[in-house]
Amino acid sequence: MPATVTLSSTTLKTAAGASDTSVQVSSVSGLVPGLRLFVDGELMAVTSLGLGTWVNVRRGVDGSAAAAHPAMASVFIGRAD
């Protein structure tokens, strides 16, 4: 898995299922397409921003596995190295 440079962090506002293609975070500040979200060992690629604090993502990128995550899980925002 490539290294990721962490830019900031937030939390999941709602739980995310392993097959969800959108996740809701507490803050979208600084999020743009192309960044990575790192949650409990899974990397997600931000594809676009949705309404409010919803983020559209590609799950299980860079060799990680898509998994379910509980509400309030830490989300580290970074860019692929």
C-alpha atoms as a PDB file:
ATOM      1  CA  MET A   1       0.000   0.000   0.000  1.00  0.00           C
ATOM      2  CA  PRO A   2       1.489   3.409  -0.931  1.00  0.00           C
ATOM      3  CA  ALA A   3       2.305   5.894   1.795  1.00  0.00           C
ATOM      4  CA  THR A   4      -0.199   8.654   2.423  1.00  0.00           C
ATOM      5  CA  VAL A   5       0.595  12.144   3.673  1.00  0.00           C
ATOM      6  CA  THR A   6      -2.024  13.093   6.273  1.00  0.00           C
ATOM      7  CA  LEU A   7      -3.485  16.581   5.816  1.00  0.00           C
ATOM      8  CA  SER A   8      -6.179  16.620   8.517  1.00  0.00           C
ATOM      9  CA  SER A   9      -8.807  14.465  10.157  1.00  0.00           C
ATOM     10  CA  THR A  10     -12.525  14.229  10.888  1.00  0.00           C
ATOM     11  CA  THR A  11     -14.929  11.474  11.953  1.00  0.00           C
ATOM     12  CA  LEU A  12     -17.688   9.484  10.300  1.00  0.00           C
ATOM     13  CA  LYS A  13     -21.005  11.113  11.134  1.00  0.00           C
ATOM     14  CA  THR A  14     -22.930   7.914  10.361  1.00  0.00           C
ATOM     15  CA  ALA A  15     -21.913   4.267  10.104  1.00  0.00           C
ATOM     16  CA  ALA A  16     -20.678   3.098   6.685  1.00  0.00           C
ATOM     17  CA  GLY A  17     -21.426  -0.328   5.216  1.00  0.00           C
ATOM     18  CA  ALA A  18     -18.709  -2.168   3.292  1.00  0.00           C
ATOM     19  CA  SER A  19     -20.460  -1.599  -0.061  1.00  0.00           C
ATOM     20  CA  ASP A  20     -21.489   2.046   0.473  1.00  0.00           C
ATOM     21  CA  THR A  21     -20.188   4.389  -2.215  1.00  0.00           C
ATOM     22  CA  SER A  22     -20.918   7.523  -0.166  1.00  0.00           C
ATOM     23  CA  VAL A  23     -19.915   8.232   3.428  1.00  0.00           C
ATOM     24  CA  GLN A  24     -21.036  11.036   5.717  1.00  0.00           C
ATOM     25  CA  VAL A  25     -18.290  12.827   7.639  1.00  0.00           C
ATOM     26  CA  SER A  26     -18.476  15.471  10.347  1.00  0.00           C
ATOM     27  CA  SER A  27     -16.666  18.050   8.191  1.00  0.00           C
ATOM     28  CA  VAL A  28     -15.783  18.290   4.504  1.00  0.00           C
ATOM     29  CA  SER A  29     -13.371  21.166   5.068  1.00  0.00           C
ATOM     30  CA  GLY A  30     -10.394  20.705   2.757  1.00  0.00           C
ATOM     31  CA  LEU A  31     -11.846  17.675   0.958  1.00  0.00           C
ATOM     32  CA  VAL A  32     -11.496  17.603  -2.821  1.00  0.00           C
ATOM     33  CA  PRO A  33     -11.643  14.801  -5.392  1.00  0.00           C
ATOM     34  CA  GLY A  34      -8.446  12.773  -5.526  1.00  0.00           C
ATOM     35  CA  LEU A  35      -7.717  12.862  -1.808  1.00  0.00           C
ATOM     36  CA  ARG A  36      -7.724   9.687   0.279  1.00  0.00           C
ATOM     37  CA  LEU A  37      -9.726   8.888   3.399  1.00  0.00           C
ATOM     38  CA  PHE A  38      -8.114   6.380   5.766  1.00  0.00           C
ATOM     39  CA  VAL A  39     -10.581   4.670   8.110  1.00  0.00           C
ATOM     40  CA  ASP A  40      -9.699   1.646  10.255  1.00  0.00           C
ATOM     41  CA  GLY A  41      -7.143   0.281   7.774  1.00  0.00           C
ATOM     42  CA  GLU A  42      -9.202   0.994   4.646  1.00  0.00           C
ATOM     43  CA  LEU A  43      -8.235   3.594   2.062  1.00  0.00           C
ATOM     44  CA  MET A  44     -11.018   5.320   0.119  1.00  0.00           C
ATOM     45  CA  ALA A  45     -10.503   7.643  -2.842  1.00  0.00           C
ATOM     46  CA  VAL A  46     -12.681  10.779  -2.855  1.00  0.00           C
ATOM     47  CA  THR A  47     -14.423  10.913  -6.245  1.00  0.00           C
ATOM     48  CA  SER A  48     -16.693  13.914  -5.582  1.00  0.00           C
ATOM     49  CA  LEU A  49     -18.457  15.807  -2.833  1.00  0.00           C
ATOM     50  CA  GLY A  50     -22.149  15.157  -2.309  1.00  0.00           C
ATOM     51  CA  LEU A  51     -24.776  17.227  -0.534  1.00  0.00           C
ATOM     52  CA  GLY A  52     -23.901  18.600   2.889  1.00  0.00           C
ATOM     53  CA  THR A  53     -21.242  16.447   4.479  1.00  0.00           C
ATOM     54  CA  TRP A  54     -21.663  13.416   2.183  1.00  0.00           C
ATOM     55  CA  VAL A  55     -18.591  12.326   0.246  1.00  0.00           C
ATOM     56  CA  ASN A  56     -18.666  10.013  -2.776  1.00  0.00           C
ATOM     57  CA  VAL A  57     -15.819   7.507  -2.608  1.00  0.00           C
ATOM     58  CA  ARG A  58     -14.202   4.528  -4.323  1.00  0.00           C
ATOM     59  CA  ARG A  59     -13.748   1.892  -1.621  1.00  0.00           C
ATOM     60  CA  GLY A  60     -10.810  -0.373  -0.856  1.00  0.00           C
ATOM     61  CA  VAL A  61      -8.208   1.402  -2.986  1.00  0.00           C
ATOM     62  CA  ASP A  62      -4.448   0.838  -3.110  1.00  0.00           C
ATOM     63  CA  GLY A  63      -4.681  -2.768  -1.954  1.00  0.00           C
ATOM     64  CA  SER A  64      -6.876  -2.158   1.100  1.00  0.00           C
ATOM     65  CA  ALA A  65     -10.124  -4.044   1.690  1.00  0.00           C
ATOM     66  CA  ALA A  66     -13.538  -2.358   1.876  1.00  0.00           C
ATOM     67  CA  ALA A  67     -15.042  -2.842   5.336  1.00  0.00           C
ATOM     68  CA  ALA A  68     -17.899  -1.588   7.497  1.00  0.00           C
ATOM     69  CA  HIS A  69     -17.076   1.294   9.863  1.00  0.00           C
ATOM     70  CA  PRO A  70     -19.027   2.583  12.876  1.00  0.00           C
ATOM     71  CA  ALA A  71     -20.252   6.136  13.367  1.00  0.00           C
ATOM     72  CA  MET A  72     -17.596   8.319  15.018  1.00  0.00           C
ATOM     73  CA  ALA A  73     -14.720   6.299  13.519  1.00  0.00           C
ATOM     74  CA  SER A  74     -11.647   8.468  12.947  1.00  0.00           C
ATOM     75  CA  VAL A  75     -11.122   9.544   9.331  1.00  0.00           C
ATOM     76  CA  PHE A  76      -7.647  10.698   8.317  1.00  0.00           C
ATOM     77  CA  ILE A  77      -7.587  12.829   5.176  1.00  0.00           C
ATOM     78  CA  GLY A  78      -4.510  12.642   2.995  1.00  0.00           C
ATOM     79  CA  ARG A  79      -3.152  12.446  -0.480  1.00  0.00           C
ATOM     80  CA  ALA A  80      -1.548   9.506  -2.200  1.00  0.00           C
ATOM     81  CA  ASP A  81       2.227   9.684  -2.021  1.00  0.00           C
END
